[in-house]
Amino acid sequence: MTPARLRHCGNTRYKREVELQTSGASAWWDGVVCCRSRTCPTCFVARRFKLAREISQVVHEREHETCRQSMLATLTVRHSAGDPVTLPREVRKVWRRMVQSRRWQALKRDYGVEWIAAEEITHGPNGWHPHMHVLLMPRVHLDPDDHLNSAFDWHSWWAGLVRKYIGASNEPSREHGCDLQACDSAEYLSKIGLELSDPAMVKGRSPLGLLEHGEIDRYLELQVTRTRARDVTWSRGLKGIREALPKPEPPATLATLQGSEWWLLRQWGWAVPLDIAERSETPEIAQELVKQALAGKSPARG
């Protein structure tokens, strides 16, 4: 059964009037319940895009400061259809052990590495497939062939931790355990932002892909196990950059609806004006669209 807070999200007013607001490339209804639950697909997507924007700004500032290109490490585990839904939680634990180790502290000391880590979970024929995408941002030049792979054998390091804290059955093969390569911020953002918000962009089924295929129970089972888990974690050295980021623009109100108008708009499709407002350069288009909706003239019907 779908939790009540999800059923009310975006469908229940808590103010007398509802406003269509926009800021930058985002639009939303103000005065409507927002559950902010990890099990809510609407809030899931909104949170991912907000994170993607913040990460893009942080990476840009960091690379501008150091004049060094970032590197992307993908860390995986061996998995099977019999693995429990709690396997992603165990992978997160291994990652925490990794960054707490003396070896990681040496990496940070010698190369000035800061990082952003995102968890990705898909589901396929071999069950749950959790893995970590870690963006490494060094202060000095790194050559993965001459430095990282020789001084820090990433695969042996990661596989050893998996064997110790999860078990030998989940120890990854050398072919799939760890991938390390130079990347740009756009490539990384596709991993932690758009890719996980679009079920058509990943191998296997992403959380939203499970919903698309009607596997609601499996989706809820996964999300419930992620209570208090963060989608993205940051190294402490990036705190100053994050705090210095420019604040988002104050929202602009494109339309104000009374309660009866809001209910009428819901019957037509309240998400469409949001989409138009996010894509349109002029607020007049979104305002006109709301007027047409209230008059019963749906663009979907011509």
C-alpha atoms as a PDB file:
ATOM      1  CA  MET A   1       0.000   0.000   0.000  1.00  0.00           C
ATOM      2  CA  THR A   2       1.309   3.476  -0.880  1.00  0.00           C
ATOM      3  CA  PRO A   3       2.047   5.548   2.267  1.00  0.00           C
ATOM      4  CA  ALA A   4      -0.437   8.367   2.932  1.00  0.00           C
ATOM      5  CA  ARG A   5       2.236  11.060   2.812  1.00  0.00           C
ATOM      6  CA  LEU A   6       3.057  10.046  -0.783  1.00  0.00           C
ATOM      7  CA  ARG A   7      -0.599  10.157  -1.836  1.00  0.00           C
ATOM      8  CA  HIS A   8      -0.937  13.724  -0.519  1.00  0.00           C
ATOM      9  CA  CYS A   9       2.320  14.991  -2.049  1.00  0.00           C
ATOM     10  CA  GLY A  10       1.487  17.518  -4.764  1.00  0.00           C
ATOM     11  CA  ASN A  11      -2.245  16.771  -4.483  1.00  0.00           C
ATOM     12  CA  THR A  12      -3.304  18.540  -1.276  1.00  0.00           C
ATOM     13  CA  ARG A  13      -3.382  22.263  -0.542  1.00  0.00           C
ATOM     14  CA  TYR A  14      -2.362  23.737   2.807  1.00  0.00           C
ATOM     15  CA  LYS A  15      -2.930  27.382   1.774  1.00  0.00           C
ATOM     16  CA  ARG A  16      -6.049  29.172   0.577  1.00  0.00           C
ATOM     17  CA  GLU A  17      -4.262  30.179  -2.624  1.00  0.00           C
ATOM     18  CA  VAL A  18      -1.762  28.202  -4.695  1.00  0.00           C
ATOM     19  CA  GLU A  19       0.993  30.007  -6.597  1.00  0.00           C
ATOM     20  CA  LEU A  20       2.974  28.900  -9.636  1.00  0.00           C
ATOM     21  CA  GLN A  21       6.541  29.993  -8.860  1.00  0.00           C
ATOM     22  CA  THR A  22       9.793  29.780 -10.777  1.00  0.00           C
ATOM     23  CA  SER A  23      13.469  30.411 -10.101  1.00  0.00           C
ATOM     24  CA  GLY A  24      16.200  29.741 -12.634  1.00  0.00           C
ATOM     25  CA  ALA A  25      15.280  26.580 -14.544  1.00  0.00           C
ATOM     26  CA  SER A  26      12.888  25.231 -11.876  1.00  0.00           C
ATOM     27  CA  ALA A  27       9.163  25.711 -11.313  1.00  0.00           C
ATOM     28  CA  TRP A  28       6.869  24.503  -8.541  1.00  0.00           C
ATOM     29  CA  TRP A  29       3.483  24.994  -6.887  1.00  0.00           C
ATOM     30  CA  ASP A  30       3.689  26.890  -3.586  1.00  0.00           C
ATOM     31  CA  GLY A  31       0.930  26.148  -1.108  1.00  0.00           C
ATOM     32  CA  VAL A  32       0.777  22.420  -1.916  1.00  0.00           C
ATOM     33  CA  VAL A  33       1.946  19.617   0.371  1.00  0.00           C
ATOM     34  CA  CYS A  34       5.496  18.363  -0.356  1.00  0.00           C
ATOM     35  CA  CYS A  35       6.304  15.172   1.552  1.00  0.00           C
ATOM     36  CA  ARG A  36      10.109  15.216   0.968  1.00  0.00           C
ATOM     37  CA  SER A  37      10.080  11.453   1.384  1.00  0.00           C
ATOM     38  CA  ARG A  38      12.774   9.250  -0.144  1.00  0.00           C
ATOM     39  CA  THR A  39      10.011   6.986  -1.402  1.00  0.00           C
ATOM     40  CA  CYS A  40       8.320   9.789  -3.356  1.00  0.00           C
ATOM     41  CA  PRO A  41       9.263   9.816  -7.064  1.00  0.00           C
ATOM     42  CA  THR A  42       8.446  13.519  -7.407  1.00  0.00           C
ATOM     43  CA  CYS A  43      10.631  14.550  -4.482  1.00  0.00           C
ATOM     44  CA  PHE A  44      13.301  12.051  -5.563  1.00  0.00           C
ATOM     45  CA  VAL A  45      13.715  13.743  -8.942  1.00  0.00           C
ATOM     46  CA  ALA A  46      13.614  17.264  -7.486  1.00  0.00           C
ATOM     47  CA  ARG A  47      16.304  16.364  -4.951  1.00  0.00           C
ATOM     48  CA  ARG A  48      18.523  14.825  -7.643  1.00  0.00           C
ATOM     49  CA  PHE A  49      18.398  17.901  -9.869  1.00  0.00           C
ATOM     50  CA  LYS A  50      19.116  20.194  -6.915  1.00  0.00           C
ATOM     51  CA  LEU A  51      22.157  18.091  -6.042  1.00  0.00           C
ATOM     52  CA  ALA A  52      23.296  18.097  -9.671  1.00  0.00           C
ATOM     53  CA  ARG A  53      23.268  21.893  -9.787  1.00  0.00           C
ATOM     54  CA  GLU A  54      25.207  22.192  -6.528  1.00  0.00           C
ATOM     55  CA  ILE A  55      27.814  19.619  -7.561  1.00  0.00           C
ATOM     56  CA  SER A  56      28.312  21.326 -10.921  1.00  0.00           C
ATOM     57  CA  GLN A  57      29.116  24.590  -9.164  1.00  0.00           C
ATOM     58  CA  VAL A  58      31.429  22.988  -6.585  1.00  0.00           C
ATOM     59  CA  VAL A  59      33.400  21.022  -9.197  1.00  0.00           C
ATOM     60  CA  HIS A  60      33.773  24.112 -11.363  1.00  0.00           C
ATOM     61  CA  GLU A  61      35.118  26.149  -8.441  1.00  0.00           C
ATOM     62  CA  ARG A  62      37.462  23.378  -7.299  1.00  0.00           C
ATOM     63  CA  GLU A  63      38.943  22.777 -10.762  1.00  0.00           C
ATOM     64  CA  HIS A  64      39.333  26.521 -11.277  1.00  0.00           C
ATOM     65  CA  GLU A  65      41.186  26.745  -7.954  1.00  0.00           C
ATOM     66  CA  THR A  66      43.541  23.801  -8.543  1.00  0.00           C
ATOM     67  CA  CYS A  67      43.760  23.762 -12.364  1.00  0.00           C
ATOM     68  CA  ARG A  68      43.462  19.955 -12.152  1.00  0.00           C
ATOM     69  CA  GLN A  69      41.016  17.665 -13.903  1.00  0.00           C
ATOM     70  CA  SER A  70      38.839  15.433 -11.741  1.00  0.00           C
ATOM     71  CA  MET A  71      38.884  11.635 -11.827  1.00  0.00           C
ATOM     72  CA  LEU A  72      35.955   9.262 -11.514  1.00  0.00           C
ATOM     73  CA  ALA A  73      36.226   5.981  -9.599  1.00  0.00           C
ATOM     74  CA  THR A  74      33.376   3.455  -9.871  1.00  0.00           C
ATOM     75  CA  LEU A  75      33.366   0.824  -7.121  1.00  0.00           C
ATOM     76  CA  THR A  76      31.155  -2.257  -7.407  1.00  0.00           C
ATOM     77  CA  VAL A  77      30.544  -5.600  -5.678  1.00  0.00           C
ATOM     78  CA  ARG A  78      29.644  -9.059  -6.932  1.00  0.00           C
ATOM     79  CA  HIS A  79      25.886  -9.560  -6.620  1.00  0.00           C
ATOM     80  CA  SER A  80      23.259 -12.215  -7.276  1.00  0.00           C
ATOM     81  CA  ALA A  81      19.496 -12.600  -7.280  1.00  0.00           C
ATOM     82  CA  GLY A  82      19.671 -14.045  -3.767  1.00  0.00           C
ATOM     83  CA  ASP A  83      21.281 -10.985  -2.197  1.00  0.00           C
ATOM     84  CA  PRO A  84      19.012  -9.098   0.251  1.00  0.00           C
ATOM     85  CA  VAL A  85      17.722  -5.598  -0.361  1.00  0.00           C
ATOM     86  CA  THR A  86      20.021  -4.457   2.457  1.00  0.00           C
ATOM     87  CA  LEU A  87      23.123  -5.058   0.288  1.00  0.00           C
ATOM     88  CA  PRO A  88      23.371  -1.321  -0.635  1.00  0.00           C
ATOM     89  CA  ARG A  89      23.583  -0.526   3.075  1.00  0.00           C
ATOM     90  CA  GLU A  90      26.580  -2.859   3.378  1.00  0.00           C
ATOM     91  CA  VAL A  91      28.273  -1.189   0.396  1.00  0.00           C
ATOM     92  CA  ARG A  92      27.866   2.200   2.082  1.00  0.00           C
ATOM     93  CA  LYS A  93      29.522   0.767   5.182  1.00  0.00           C
ATOM     94  CA  VAL A  94      32.510  -0.442   3.151  1.00  0.00           C
ATOM     95  CA  TRP A  95      32.863   3.002   1.578  1.00  0.00           C
ATOM     96  CA  ARG A  96      32.901   4.639   5.030  1.00  0.00           C
ATOM     97  CA  ARG A  97      35.623   2.220   6.141  1.00  0.00           C
ATOM     98  CA  MET A  98      37.623   3.111   3.053  1.00  0.00           C
ATOM     99  CA  VAL A  99      37.674   6.879   3.681  1.00  0.00           C
ATOM    100  CA  GLN A 100      38.456   6.331   7.362  1.00  0.00           C
ATOM    101  CA  SER A 101      41.524   4.186   6.631  1.00  0.00           C
ATOM    102  CA  ARG A 102      45.139   5.273   7.011  1.00  0.00           C
ATOM    103  CA  ARG A 103      45.685   4.636   3.323  1.00  0.00           C
ATOM    104  CA  TRP A 104      43.024   7.179   2.415  1.00  0.00           C
ATOM    105  CA  GLN A 105      44.518   9.714   4.810  1.00  0.00           C
ATOM    106  CA  ALA A 106      47.869   9.237   3.047  1.00  0.00           C
ATOM    107  CA  LEU A 107      46.164   9.807  -0.319  1.00  0.00           C
ATOM    108  CA  LYS A 108      44.691  13.023   0.983  1.00  0.00           C
ATOM    109  CA  ARG A 109      48.006  14.149   2.497  1.00  0.00           C
ATOM    110  CA  ASP A 110      50.143  13.391  -0.571  1.00  0.00           C
ATOM    111  CA  TYR A 111      47.778  14.542  -3.313  1.00  0.00           C
ATOM    112  CA  GLY A 112      45.346  16.906  -1.572  1.00  0.00           C
ATOM    113  CA  VAL A 113      42.365  14.863  -2.779  1.00  0.00           C
ATOM    114  CA  GLU A 114      38.825  16.008  -1.990  1.00  0.00           C
ATOM    115  CA  TRP A 115      35.855  13.923  -3.081  1.00  0.00           C
ATOM    116  CA  ILE A 116      32.150  13.676  -3.773  1.00  0.00           C
ATOM    117  CA  ALA A 117      30.561  10.213  -3.579  1.00  0.00           C
ATOM    118  CA  ALA A 118      27.183   9.160  -4.940  1.00  0.00           C
ATOM    119  CA  GLU A 119      25.421   5.842  -4.480  1.00  0.00           C
ATOM    120  CA  GLU A 120      23.684   4.232  -7.450  1.00  0.00           C
ATOM    121  CA  ILE A 121      21.342   1.253  -7.126  1.00  0.00           C
ATOM    122  CA  THR A 122      19.747  -0.628 -10.000  1.00  0.00           C
ATOM    123  CA  HIS A 123      17.890  -3.928 -10.211  1.00  0.00           C
ATOM    124  CA  GLY A 124      18.244  -6.549 -12.918  1.00  0.00           C
ATOM    125  CA  PRO A 125      18.316 -10.304 -13.552  1.00  0.00           C
ATOM    126  CA  ASN A 126      21.108 -10.678 -10.976  1.00  0.00           C
ATOM    127  CA  GLY A 127      19.245  -8.824  -8.254  1.00  0.00           C
ATOM    128  CA  TRP A 128      20.227  -5.577  -6.573  1.00  0.00           C
ATOM    129  CA  HIS A 129      23.305  -3.916  -8.044  1.00  0.00           C
ATOM    130  CA  PRO A 130      24.675  -1.211  -5.710  1.00  0.00           C
ATOM    131  CA  HIS A 131      27.829   0.689  -6.591  1.00  0.00           C
ATOM    132  CA  MET A 132      29.589   3.934  -5.738  1.00  0.00           C
ATOM    133  CA  HIS A 133      30.581   6.750  -8.083  1.00  0.00           C
ATOM    134  CA  VAL A 134      33.378   8.751  -6.449  1.00  0.00           C
ATOM    135  CA  LEU A 135      34.612  11.991  -7.989  1.00  0.00           C
ATOM    136  CA  LEU A 136      38.237  12.593  -6.928  1.00  0.00           C
ATOM    137  CA  MET A 137      39.445  16.189  -7.060  1.00  0.00           C
ATOM    138  CA  PRO A 138      43.233  16.375  -6.461  1.00  0.00           C
ATOM    139  CA  ARG A 139      45.256  19.485  -5.747  1.00  0.00           C
ATOM    140  CA  VAL A 140      48.335  18.171  -7.568  1.00  0.00           C
ATOM    141  CA  HIS A 141      48.639  16.307 -10.867  1.00  0.00           C
ATOM    142  CA  LEU A 142      47.590  12.659 -10.848  1.00  0.00           C
ATOM    143  CA  ASP A 143      48.443  10.126 -13.505  1.00  0.00           C
ATOM    144  CA  PRO A 144      46.314   7.007 -12.908  1.00  0.00           C
ATOM    145  CA  ASP A 145      48.932   4.763 -14.576  1.00  0.00           C
ATOM    146  CA  ASP A 146      51.989   6.057 -12.731  1.00  0.00           C
ATOM    147  CA  HIS A 147      50.587   7.110  -9.393  1.00  0.00           C
ATOM    148  CA  LEU A 148      47.173   5.929  -8.256  1.00  0.00           C
ATOM    149  CA  ASN A 149      47.276   2.433  -9.709  1.00  0.00           C
ATOM    150  CA  SER A 150      50.792   1.742  -8.443  1.00  0.00           C
ATOM    151  CA  ALA A 151      50.823   3.532  -5.081  1.00  0.00           C
ATOM    152  CA  PHE A 152      47.233   2.631  -4.319  1.00  0.00           C
ATOM    153  CA  ASP A 153      45.980  -0.537  -5.946  1.00  0.00           C
ATOM    154  CA  TRP A 154      42.361   0.464  -5.935  1.00  0.00           C
ATOM    155  CA  HIS A 155      40.925  -2.882  -6.849  1.00  0.00           C
ATOM    156  CA  SER A 156      42.843  -4.863  -4.219  1.00  0.00           C
ATOM    157  CA  TRP A 157      42.069  -2.201  -1.652  1.00  0.00           C
ATOM    158  CA  TRP A 158      38.329  -2.137  -2.389  1.00  0.00           C
ATOM    159  CA  ALA A 159      37.998  -5.918  -2.865  1.00  0.00           C
ATOM    160  CA  GLY A 160      39.781  -6.566   0.425  1.00  0.00           C
ATOM    161  CA  LEU A 161      37.374  -4.309   2.305  1.00  0.00           C
ATOM    162  CA  VAL A 162      34.367  -5.939   0.633  1.00  0.00           C
ATOM    163  CA  ARG A 163      35.643  -9.391   1.584  1.00  0.00           C
ATOM    164  CA  LYS A 164      36.223  -8.267   5.174  1.00  0.00           C
ATOM    165  CA  TYR A 165      32.994  -6.371   5.850  1.00  0.00           C
ATOM    166  CA  ILE A 166      30.465  -8.052   3.533  1.00  0.00           C
ATOM    167  CA  GLY A 167      31.842 -11.474   2.671  1.00  0.00           C
ATOM    168  CA  ALA A 168      33.832 -13.426   0.099  1.00  0.00           C
ATOM    169  CA  SER A 169      30.722 -14.145  -1.970  1.00  0.00           C
ATOM    170  CA  ASN A 170      30.414 -10.426  -2.787  1.00  0.00           C
ATOM    171  CA  GLU A 171      34.097  -9.799  -3.475  1.00  0.00           C
ATOM    172  CA  PRO A 172      34.291  -8.246  -6.968  1.00  0.00           C
ATOM    173  CA  SER A 173      36.369  -9.599  -9.817  1.00  0.00           C
ATOM    174  CA  ARG A 174      39.341  -7.568 -11.015  1.00  0.00           C
ATOM    175  CA  GLU A 175      37.524  -6.871 -14.269  1.00  0.00           C
ATOM    176  CA  HIS A 176      34.501  -5.246 -12.617  1.00  0.00           C
ATOM    177  CA  GLY A 177      35.575  -4.272  -9.111  1.00  0.00           C
ATOM    178  CA  CYS A 178      37.004  -0.818  -9.745  1.00  0.00           C
ATOM    179  CA  ASP A 179      37.174   1.522 -12.714  1.00  0.00           C
ATOM    180  CA  LEU A 180      39.267   4.692 -12.545  1.00  0.00           C
ATOM    181  CA  GLN A 181      39.471   7.290 -15.276  1.00  0.00           C
ATOM    182  CA  ALA A 182      39.701  11.007 -15.915  1.00  0.00           C
ATOM    183  CA  CYS A 183      36.355  12.708 -16.444  1.00  0.00           C
ATOM    184  CA  ASP A 184      34.682  16.066 -16.648  1.00  0.00           C
ATOM    185  CA  SER A 185      31.960  17.329 -14.343  1.00  0.00           C
ATOM    186  CA  ALA A 186      29.238  16.847 -16.967  1.00  0.00           C
ATOM    187  CA  GLU A 187      30.047  13.150 -17.182  1.00  0.00           C
ATOM    188  CA  TYR A 188      29.835  12.781 -13.417  1.00  0.00           C
ATOM    189  CA  LEU A 189      26.596  14.717 -13.163  1.00  0.00           C
ATOM    190  CA  SER A 190      24.964  12.325 -15.611  1.00  0.00           C
ATOM    191  CA  LYS A 191      25.748   9.550 -13.144  1.00  0.00           C
ATOM    192  CA  ILE A 192      24.310  11.104  -9.992  1.00  0.00           C
ATOM    193  CA  GLY A 193      21.637  13.372 -11.448  1.00  0.00           C
ATOM    194  CA  LEU A 194      19.892  12.784 -14.734  1.00  0.00           C
ATOM    195  CA  GLU A 195      20.761   9.105 -15.020  1.00  0.00           C
ATOM    196  CA  LEU A 196      19.093   8.128 -11.758  1.00  0.00           C
ATOM    197  CA  SER A 197      16.091  10.306 -12.484  1.00  0.00           C
ATOM    198  CA  ASP A 198      15.373   8.753 -15.880  1.00  0.00           C
ATOM    199  CA  PRO A 199      14.564   5.028 -16.004  1.00  0.00           C
ATOM    200  CA  ALA A 200      15.567   4.862 -19.670  1.00  0.00           C
ATOM    201  CA  MET A 201      19.171   5.970 -19.137  1.00  0.00           C
ATOM    202  CA  VAL A 202      20.669   3.138 -17.065  1.00  0.00           C
ATOM    203  CA  LYS A 203      21.421  -0.537 -17.499  1.00  0.00           C
ATOM    204  CA  GLY A 204      19.008  -2.454 -15.310  1.00  0.00           C
ATOM    205  CA  ARG A 205      16.148  -0.754 -13.553  1.00  0.00           C
ATOM    206  CA  SER A 206      16.794   2.403 -11.576  1.00  0.00           C
ATOM    207  CA  PRO A 207      14.434   3.268  -8.689  1.00  0.00           C
ATOM    208  CA  LEU A 208      12.127   5.089 -11.114  1.00  0.00           C
ATOM    209  CA  GLY A 209      12.495   2.231 -13.582  1.00  0.00           C
ATOM    210  CA  LEU A 210      10.976  -0.085 -10.988  1.00  0.00           C
ATOM    211  CA  LEU A 211       7.932   2.181 -10.830  1.00  0.00           C
ATOM    212  CA  GLU A 212       7.716   2.331 -14.624  1.00  0.00           C
ATOM    213  CA  HIS A 213       7.493  -1.473 -14.693  1.00  0.00           C
ATOM    214  CA  GLY A 214       4.869  -1.564 -11.939  1.00  0.00           C
ATOM    215  CA  GLU A 215       7.211  -2.993  -9.285  1.00  0.00           C
ATOM    216  CA  ILE A 216       5.905  -0.676  -6.566  1.00  0.00           C
ATOM    217  CA  ASP A 217       6.546  -3.079  -3.688  1.00  0.00           C
ATOM    218  CA  ARG A 218      10.171  -3.524  -4.736  1.00  0.00           C
ATOM    219  CA  TYR A 219      10.600   0.240  -5.055  1.00  0.00           C
ATOM    220  CA  LEU A 220       9.202   0.881  -1.583  1.00  0.00           C
ATOM    221  CA  GLU A 221      11.262  -1.972  -0.149  1.00  0.00           C
ATOM    222  CA  LEU A 222      14.430  -0.371  -1.472  1.00  0.00           C
ATOM    223  CA  GLN A 223      13.627   3.158  -0.363  1.00  0.00           C
ATOM    224  CA  VAL A 224      12.562   2.169   3.155  1.00  0.00           C
ATOM    225  CA  THR A 225      15.977   0.536   3.706  1.00  0.00           C
ATOM    226  CA  ARG A 226      17.594   3.885   2.836  1.00  0.00           C
ATOM    227  CA  THR A 227      16.228   5.706   5.884  1.00  0.00           C
ATOM    228  CA  ARG A 228      18.642   8.497   6.870  1.00  0.00           C
ATOM    229  CA  ALA A 229      21.036   7.481   4.093  1.00  0.00           C
ATOM    230  CA  ARG A 230      22.395  10.338   1.997  1.00  0.00           C
ATOM    231  CA  ASP A 231      22.249  10.252  -1.782  1.00  0.00           C
ATOM    232  CA  VAL A 232      25.540  12.118  -1.984  1.00  0.00           C
ATOM    233  CA  THR A 233      28.335  12.614   0.564  1.00  0.00           C
ATOM    234  CA  TRP A 234      31.109  15.210   0.513  1.00  0.00           C
ATOM    235  CA  SER A 235      34.611  15.453   1.949  1.00  0.00           C
ATOM    236  CA  ARG A 236      35.002  18.087   4.645  1.00  0.00           C
ATOM    237  CA  GLY A 237      37.508  20.057   2.595  1.00  0.00           C
ATOM    238  CA  LEU A 238      34.733  21.131   0.206  1.00  0.00           C
ATOM    239  CA  LYS A 239      32.678  22.795   2.933  1.00  0.00           C
ATOM    240  CA  GLY A 240      34.134  26.242   2.288  1.00  0.00           C
ATOM    241  CA  ILE A 241      33.359  26.087  -1.434  1.00  0.00           C
ATOM    242  CA  ARG A 242      29.802  24.933  -0.795  1.00  0.00           C
ATOM    243  CA  GLU A 243      29.149  27.718   1.707  1.00  0.00           C
ATOM    244  CA  ALA A 244      30.479  30.332  -0.707  1.00  0.00           C
ATOM    245  CA  LEU A 245      28.212  29.314  -3.584  1.00  0.00           C
ATOM    246  CA  PRO A 246      25.812  32.016  -4.786  1.00  0.00           C
ATOM    247  CA  LYS A 247      22.318  31.749  -3.396  1.00  0.00           C
ATOM    248  CA  PRO A 248      19.488  30.877  -5.811  1.00  0.00           C
ATOM    249  CA  GLU A 249      17.464  33.680  -7.299  1.00  0.00           C
ATOM    250  CA  PRO A 250      14.362  34.752  -5.351  1.00  0.00           C
ATOM    251  CA  PRO A 251      11.307  33.008  -6.817  1.00  0.00           C
ATOM    252  CA  ALA A 252       8.952  34.856  -9.145  1.00  0.00           C
ATOM    253  CA  THR A 253       5.201  34.204  -9.032  1.00  0.00           C
ATOM    254  CA  LEU A 254       3.740  33.478 -12.469  1.00  0.00           C
ATOM    255  CA  ALA A 255       0.157  32.748 -11.456  1.00  0.00           C
ATOM    256  CA  THR A 256      -2.059  32.681  -8.350  1.00  0.00           C
ATOM    257  CA  LEU A 257      -4.970  30.227  -8.141  1.00  0.00           C
ATOM    258  CA  GLN A 258      -7.906  30.019  -5.770  1.00  0.00           C
ATOM    259  CA  GLY A 259      -8.787  26.650  -4.283  1.00  0.00           C
ATOM    260  CA  SER A 260     -11.525  25.897  -6.814  1.00  0.00           C
ATOM    261  CA  GLU A 261      -9.217  26.857  -9.682  1.00  0.00           C
ATOM    262  CA  TRP A 262      -6.518  24.568  -8.340  1.00  0.00           C
ATOM    263  CA  TRP A 263      -8.877  21.575  -8.248  1.00  0.00           C
ATOM    264  CA  LEU A 264     -10.027  22.326 -11.773  1.00  0.00           C
ATOM    265  CA  LEU A 265      -6.428  22.511 -12.958  1.00  0.00           C
ATOM    266  CA  ARG A 266      -5.597  19.181 -11.305  1.00  0.00           C
ATOM    267  CA  GLN A 267      -8.250  17.462 -13.413  1.00  0.00           C
ATOM    268  CA  TRP A 268      -6.597  18.809 -16.568  1.00  0.00           C
ATOM    269  CA  GLY A 269      -3.024  17.991 -15.535  1.00  0.00           C
ATOM    270  CA  TRP A 270      -1.275  20.308 -13.093  1.00  0.00           C
ATOM    271  CA  ALA A 271       2.243  19.143 -14.027  1.00  0.00           C
ATOM    272  CA  VAL A 272       2.078  20.553 -17.573  1.00  0.00           C
ATOM    273  CA  PRO A 273       2.249  24.258 -16.559  1.00  0.00           C
ATOM    274  CA  LEU A 274       5.332  23.414 -14.470  1.00  0.00           C
ATOM    275  CA  ASP A 275       7.019  21.887 -17.490  1.00  0.00           C
ATOM    276  CA  ILE A 276       6.177  24.885 -19.668  1.00  0.00           C
ATOM    277  CA  ALA A 277       7.339  27.341 -16.992  1.00  0.00           C
ATOM    278  CA  GLU A 278      10.715  25.565 -16.710  1.00  0.00           C
ATOM    279  CA  ARG A 279      11.251  25.558 -20.484  1.00  0.00           C
ATOM    280  CA  SER A 280       9.875  29.000 -21.282  1.00  0.00           C
ATOM    281  CA  GLU A 281      11.965  32.170 -21.321  1.00  0.00           C
ATOM    282  CA  THR A 282       8.935  34.376 -20.775  1.00  0.00           C
ATOM    283  CA  PRO A 283       6.467  34.083 -17.867  1.00  0.00           C
ATOM    284  CA  GLU A 284       3.603  35.182 -20.123  1.00  0.00           C
ATOM    285  CA  ILE A 285       3.538  31.756 -21.817  1.00  0.00           C
ATOM    286  CA  ALA A 286       3.078  29.930 -18.526  1.00  0.00           C
ATOM    287  CA  GLN A 287       0.446  32.438 -17.406  1.00  0.00           C
ATOM    288  CA  GLU A 288      -1.491  31.997 -20.646  1.00  0.00           C
ATOM    289  CA  LEU A 289      -1.271  28.218 -20.320  1.00  0.00           C
ATOM    290  CA  VAL A 290      -2.851  28.336 -16.869  1.00  0.00           C
ATOM    291  CA  LYS A 291      -5.671  30.503 -18.237  1.00  0.00           C
ATOM    292  CA  GLN A 292      -6.307  27.993 -21.020  1.00  0.00           C
ATOM    293  CA  ALA A 293      -6.346  25.140 -18.528  1.00  0.00           C
ATOM    294  CA  LEU A 294      -8.876  26.894 -16.315  1.00  0.00           C
ATOM    295  CA  ALA A 295     -11.028  27.479 -19.397  1.00  0.00           C
ATOM    296  CA  GLY A 296     -10.870  23.769 -20.214  1.00  0.00           C
ATOM    297  CA  LYS A 297      -8.701  24.206 -23.306  1.00  0.00           C
ATOM    298  CA  SER A 298      -6.066  21.509 -22.937  1.00  0.00           C
ATOM    299  CA  PRO A 299      -3.147  21.830 -25.410  1.00  0.00           C
ATOM    300  CA  ALA A 300      -3.032  18.034 -25.425  1.00  0.00           C
ATOM    301  CA  ARG A 301      -6.385  18.154 -27.234  1.00  0.00           C
ATOM    302  CA  GLY A 302      -5.269  20.911 -29.576  1.00  0.00           C
END
